[in-house]
């Protein structure tokens, strides 16, 4: 009886070990496309870093990188890959030797790629801001662009990489914001000023923007508004 019980126990252990092995193999093959996609995509990440550092990429290299990003997407439909692809399209659209028609085509592809990225990962302030910029460059109805800016701020009000530029665009289209958004914009002004008064003065504080900032801060933040005005006068 004890021998039979021991034999049964060994059979169960072997079956369990085999099951674990089979599950491991299945998981490996399920993950394999994602692993391949990630390794394949590495040159795109490097290229995006170069673009962010204002380095130039030639047309042949760009075409190769776009194909690489698309290959990774065919293996793994990932928000990060869509985002990188949009960055390549945007870089193409900014090249000065392109026709207006070609630039519009690149911008449309960038817009589609950003939308795909946001559909998979909506909590991305940079992508919402980038979509608003593409919307502006394509001369699309600005009301939608304002909603994208609001989404960017709500997602990350302290996004340092885009803080000044985003605020500048918000103030440019202030007349399209809802009254309920005034506190949101007021907080953005204070956040930008607190982050860097120097960058604020050089990027945001033009005459048109200051008149709007006055409206936003005059009631609740008059002392900070006074600081801004004095710094602006000293800077000029």
Protein backbone atom coordinates (compact mmCIF):
# COMPACT_ATOMS: atom_id res chain seq x y z
CA UNK A 1 0.00 0.00 0.00
CA UNK A 2 2.81 2.39 0.96
CA UNK A 3 4.72 1.56 -2.26
CA UNK A 4 1.66 2.25 -4.38
CA UNK A 5 1.10 5.52 -2.54
CA UNK A 6 4.72 6.57 -3.08
CA UNK A 7 4.51 5.68 -6.76
CA UNK A 8 1.32 7.70 -7.10
CA UNK A 9 2.99 10.67 -5.42
CA UNK A 10 5.94 10.48 -7.84
CA UNK A 11 3.57 10.39 -10.83
CA UNK A 12 1.69 13.44 -9.52
CA UNK A 13 4.95 15.34 -8.98
CA UNK A 14 6.15 14.49 -12.50
CA UNK A 15 2.82 15.55 -13.98
CA UNK A 16 2.93 18.82 -12.02
CA UNK A 17 6.51 19.50 -13.14
CA UNK A 18 5.51 18.80 -16.74
CA UNK A 19 2.55 21.16 -16.41
CA UNK A 20 4.81 23.93 -15.09
CA UNK A 21 7.22 23.32 -17.96
CA UNK A 22 4.44 23.51 -20.54
CA UNK A 23 3.05 26.70 -19.00
CA UNK A 24 6.54 28.21 -19.02
CA UNK A 25 7.01 27.31 -22.69
CA UNK A 26 3.59 28.77 -23.54
CA UNK A 27 4.39 32.01 -21.69
CA UNK A 28 7.75 32.22 -23.43
CA UNK A 29 6.18 32.00 -26.87
CA UNK A 30 3.47 34.48 -25.89
CA UNK A 31 6.10 36.97 -24.72
CA UNK A 32 8.46 36.38 -27.64
CA UNK A 33 6.83 38.92 -30.02
CA UNK A 34 7.01 41.61 -27.32
CA UNK A 35 10.66 40.86 -26.66
CA UNK A 36 11.44 40.96 -30.37
CA UNK A 37 9.50 44.22 -30.71
CA UNK A 38 11.38 45.83 -27.83
CA UNK A 39 14.82 44.89 -29.19
CA UNK A 40 13.82 45.91 -32.69
CA UNK A 41 12.62 49.31 -31.43
CA UNK A 42 15.86 50.28 -29.64
CA UNK A 43 17.29 52.28 -32.60
CA UNK A 44 14.09 54.38 -32.65
CA UNK A 45 14.55 55.33 -28.99
CA UNK A 46 18.13 56.36 -29.75
CA UNK A 47 16.98 58.43 -32.74
CA UNK A 48 14.24 60.20 -30.75
CA UNK A 49 16.86 61.14 -28.16
CA UNK A 50 19.01 62.61 -30.94
CA UNK A 51 16.06 64.57 -32.30
CA UNK A 52 15.36 65.94 -28.82
CA UNK A 53 19.01 67.02 -28.64
CA UNK A 54 18.63 68.91 -31.96
CA UNK A 55 20.78 66.46 -33.92
CA UNK A 56 20.05 65.95 -37.61
CA UNK A 57 18.91 62.72 -39.23
CA UNK A 58 19.05 62.22 -42.99
CA UNK A 59 16.08 61.09 -45.07
CA UNK A 60 17.31 57.54 -45.63
CA UNK A 61 17.85 57.01 -41.92
CA UNK A 62 14.42 58.45 -41.12
CA UNK A 63 12.72 56.16 -43.62
CA UNK A 64 14.55 53.18 -42.08
CA UNK A 65 13.53 54.21 -38.55
CA UNK A 66 9.88 54.67 -39.53
CA UNK A 67 9.88 51.16 -40.99
CA UNK A 68 11.55 49.86 -37.81
CA UNK A 69 8.87 51.45 -35.60
CA UNK A 70 6.12 50.03 -37.80
CA UNK A 71 7.68 46.56 -37.60
CA UNK A 72 7.71 46.77 -33.80
CA UNK A 73 4.06 47.80 -33.85
CA UNK A 74 3.20 44.78 -35.97
CA UNK A 75 4.72 42.61 -33.22
CA UNK A 76 3.36 44.53 -30.24
CA UNK A 77 0.67 47.22 -30.48
CA UNK A 78 2.32 49.41 -27.86
CA UNK A 79 1.59 53.06 -26.95
CA UNK A 80 5.30 53.87 -26.65
CA UNK A 81 5.98 52.70 -30.20
CA UNK A 82 3.11 54.82 -31.54
CA UNK A 83 4.50 57.80 -29.66
CA UNK A 84 7.97 57.30 -31.13
CA UNK A 85 6.53 56.92 -34.62
CA UNK A 86 4.69 60.22 -34.20
CA UNK A 87 7.97 61.88 -33.23
CA UNK A 88 9.59 60.66 -36.45
CA UNK A 89 6.68 61.95 -38.53
CA UNK A 90 6.83 65.32 -36.76
CA UNK A 91 10.55 65.56 -37.44
CA UNK A 92 9.89 64.86 -41.11
CA UNK A 93 7.23 67.59 -41.22
CA UNK A 94 9.66 70.17 -39.82
CA UNK A 95 12.24 69.74 -42.56
CA UNK A 96 12.51 72.94 -44.57
CA UNK A 97 13.06 71.27 -47.95
CA UNK A 98 9.59 69.69 -47.93
CA UNK A 99 6.63 70.96 -49.95
CA UNK A 100 3.59 72.22 -48.04
CA UNK A 101 1.61 69.20 -49.25
CA UNK A 102 4.30 66.79 -48.01
CA UNK A 103 4.47 68.52 -44.62
CA UNK A 104 0.70 68.28 -44.21
CA UNK A 105 0.86 64.57 -45.03
CA UNK A 106 3.55 64.00 -42.38
CA UNK A 107 1.56 66.01 -39.84
CA UNK A 108 -1.55 63.96 -40.52
CA UNK A 109 0.41 60.75 -39.97
CA UNK A 110 1.84 62.21 -36.76
CA UNK A 111 -1.67 63.12 -35.60
CA UNK A 112 -2.93 59.59 -36.26
CA UNK A 113 0.05 58.06 -34.43
CA UNK A 114 -0.42 60.29 -31.37
CA UNK A 115 -4.13 59.46 -31.27
CA UNK A 116 -3.27 55.75 -31.38
CA UNK A 117 -0.79 56.19 -28.54
CA UNK A 118 -3.32 58.08 -26.41
CA UNK A 119 -6.01 55.48 -27.12
CA UNK A 120 -3.71 52.93 -25.46
CA UNK A 121 -2.22 55.19 -22.76
CA UNK A 122 -4.34 58.31 -22.17
CA UNK A 123 -2.46 59.48 -19.06
CA UNK A 124 0.34 61.11 -21.05
CA UNK A 125 0.56 64.91 -20.75
CA UNK A 126 3.31 65.20 -23.38
CA UNK A 127 1.23 63.35 -25.96
CA UNK A 128 -1.85 65.49 -25.30
CA UNK A 129 0.27 68.62 -25.71
CA UNK A 130 1.94 67.28 -28.85
CA UNK A 131 -1.48 66.47 -30.31
CA UNK A 132 -2.63 70.04 -29.61
CA UNK A 133 0.43 71.41 -31.42
CA UNK A 134 -0.17 69.18 -34.46
CA UNK A 135 -3.82 70.26 -34.40
CA UNK A 136 -2.66 73.88 -34.47
CA UNK A 137 -0.16 73.28 -37.29
CA UNK A 138 -2.85 71.58 -39.38
CA UNK A 139 -5.07 74.63 -38.85
CA UNK A 140 -7.90 72.49 -37.47
CA UNK A 141 -10.73 73.95 -35.34
CA UNK A 142 -9.03 75.38 -32.23
CA UNK A 143 -11.87 74.37 -29.89
CA UNK A 144 -10.66 70.76 -30.04
CA UNK A 145 -7.08 71.88 -29.49
CA UNK A 146 -8.12 73.67 -26.28
CA UNK A 147 -9.67 70.43 -24.98
CA UNK A 148 -6.37 68.65 -25.66
CA UNK A 149 -4.49 71.33 -23.72
CA UNK A 150 -6.86 70.93 -20.79
CA UNK A 151 -6.31 67.16 -20.87
CA UNK A 152 -2.54 67.70 -20.86
CA UNK A 153 -2.73 69.99 -17.83
CA UNK A 154 -5.08 67.71 -15.90
CA UNK A 155 -2.86 64.69 -16.64
CA UNK A 156 0.30 66.41 -15.40
CA UNK A 157 0.12 70.06 -14.30
CA UNK A 158 3.85 70.04 -13.45
CA UNK A 159 5.20 68.58 -16.70
CA UNK A 160 8.46 70.54 -16.71
CA UNK A 161 9.50 69.66 -20.25
CA UNK A 162 6.43 71.34 -21.77
CA UNK A 163 5.30 73.66 -18.98
CA UNK A 164 6.22 77.02 -20.53
CA UNK A 165 5.33 76.15 -24.12
CA UNK A 166 1.99 74.67 -23.06
CA UNK A 167 1.09 77.73 -21.00
CA UNK A 168 2.07 80.00 -23.88
CA UNK A 169 -0.29 78.14 -26.23
CA UNK A 170 -3.07 78.19 -23.61
CA UNK A 171 -2.79 81.96 -23.22
CA UNK A 172 -2.74 82.42 -26.99
CA UNK A 173 -6.18 80.75 -27.16
CA UNK A 174 -7.45 81.94 -23.78
CA UNK A 175 -10.65 83.30 -25.35
CA UNK A 176 -11.74 79.73 -26.18
CA UNK A 177 -11.38 78.33 -22.67
CA UNK A 178 -14.46 77.88 -20.49
CA UNK A 179 -14.84 80.15 -17.46
CA UNK A 180 -14.54 77.02 -15.30
CA UNK A 181 -11.00 76.58 -16.63
CA UNK A 182 -9.76 79.90 -15.22
CA UNK A 183 -8.57 78.36 -11.96
CA UNK A 184 -6.76 75.66 -13.93
CA UNK A 185 -4.97 78.31 -16.01
CA UNK A 186 -4.29 80.48 -12.97
CA UNK A 187 -2.59 77.53 -11.26
CA UNK A 188 -0.55 76.89 -14.40
CA UNK A 189 0.67 80.49 -14.42
CA UNK A 190 1.74 80.21 -10.77
CA UNK A 191 3.38 76.82 -11.37
CA UNK A 192 5.35 78.13 -14.35
CA UNK A 193 6.47 81.23 -12.47
CA UNK A 194 7.54 79.12 -9.50
CA UNK A 195 9.39 76.64 -11.72
CA UNK A 196 11.56 79.29 -13.39
CA UNK A 197 10.93 83.02 -13.41
CA UNK A 198 13.71 83.41 -16.00
CA UNK A 199 12.10 80.97 -18.46
CA UNK A 200 8.70 82.48 -17.69
CA UNK A 201 9.88 85.97 -18.61
CA UNK A 202 11.58 84.82 -21.81
CA UNK A 203 8.89 82.40 -23.02
CA UNK A 204 5.53 83.51 -21.63
CA UNK A 205 5.63 87.15 -20.53
CA UNK A 206 4.85 89.07 -23.73
CA UNK A 207 2.43 92.01 -23.73
CA UNK A 208 -0.62 90.02 -24.89
CA UNK A 209 -0.04 87.21 -22.40
CA UNK A 210 0.56 89.60 -19.50
CA UNK A 211 -2.83 91.21 -20.02
CA UNK A 212 -4.45 87.77 -19.67
CA UNK A 213 -2.22 86.87 -16.71
CA UNK A 214 -3.39 90.10 -15.08
CA UNK A 215 -7.00 88.94 -15.41
CA UNK A 216 -6.17 85.54 -13.94
CA UNK A 217 -4.11 86.74 -10.95
CA UNK A 218 -5.40 90.19 -10.04
CA UNK A 219 -8.05 89.05 -7.52
CA UNK A 220 -6.26 86.27 -5.62
CA UNK A 221 -2.54 86.66 -6.33
CA UNK A 222 -1.87 90.38 -6.61
CA UNK A 223 1.47 90.16 -4.77
CA UNK A 224 2.83 87.58 -7.21
CA UNK A 225 1.48 89.61 -10.12
CA UNK A 226 3.40 92.59 -8.76
CA UNK A 227 6.58 90.47 -8.64
CA UNK A 228 6.07 89.49 -12.26
CA UNK A 229 5.53 93.06 -13.43
CA UNK A 230 8.59 94.33 -11.53
CA UNK A 231 10.75 91.51 -12.91
CA UNK A 232 9.48 92.18 -16.43
CA UNK A 233 10.26 95.90 -16.14
CA UNK A 234 13.73 95.12 -14.81
CA UNK A 235 14.30 92.57 -17.58
CA UNK A 236 13.41 95.14 -20.24
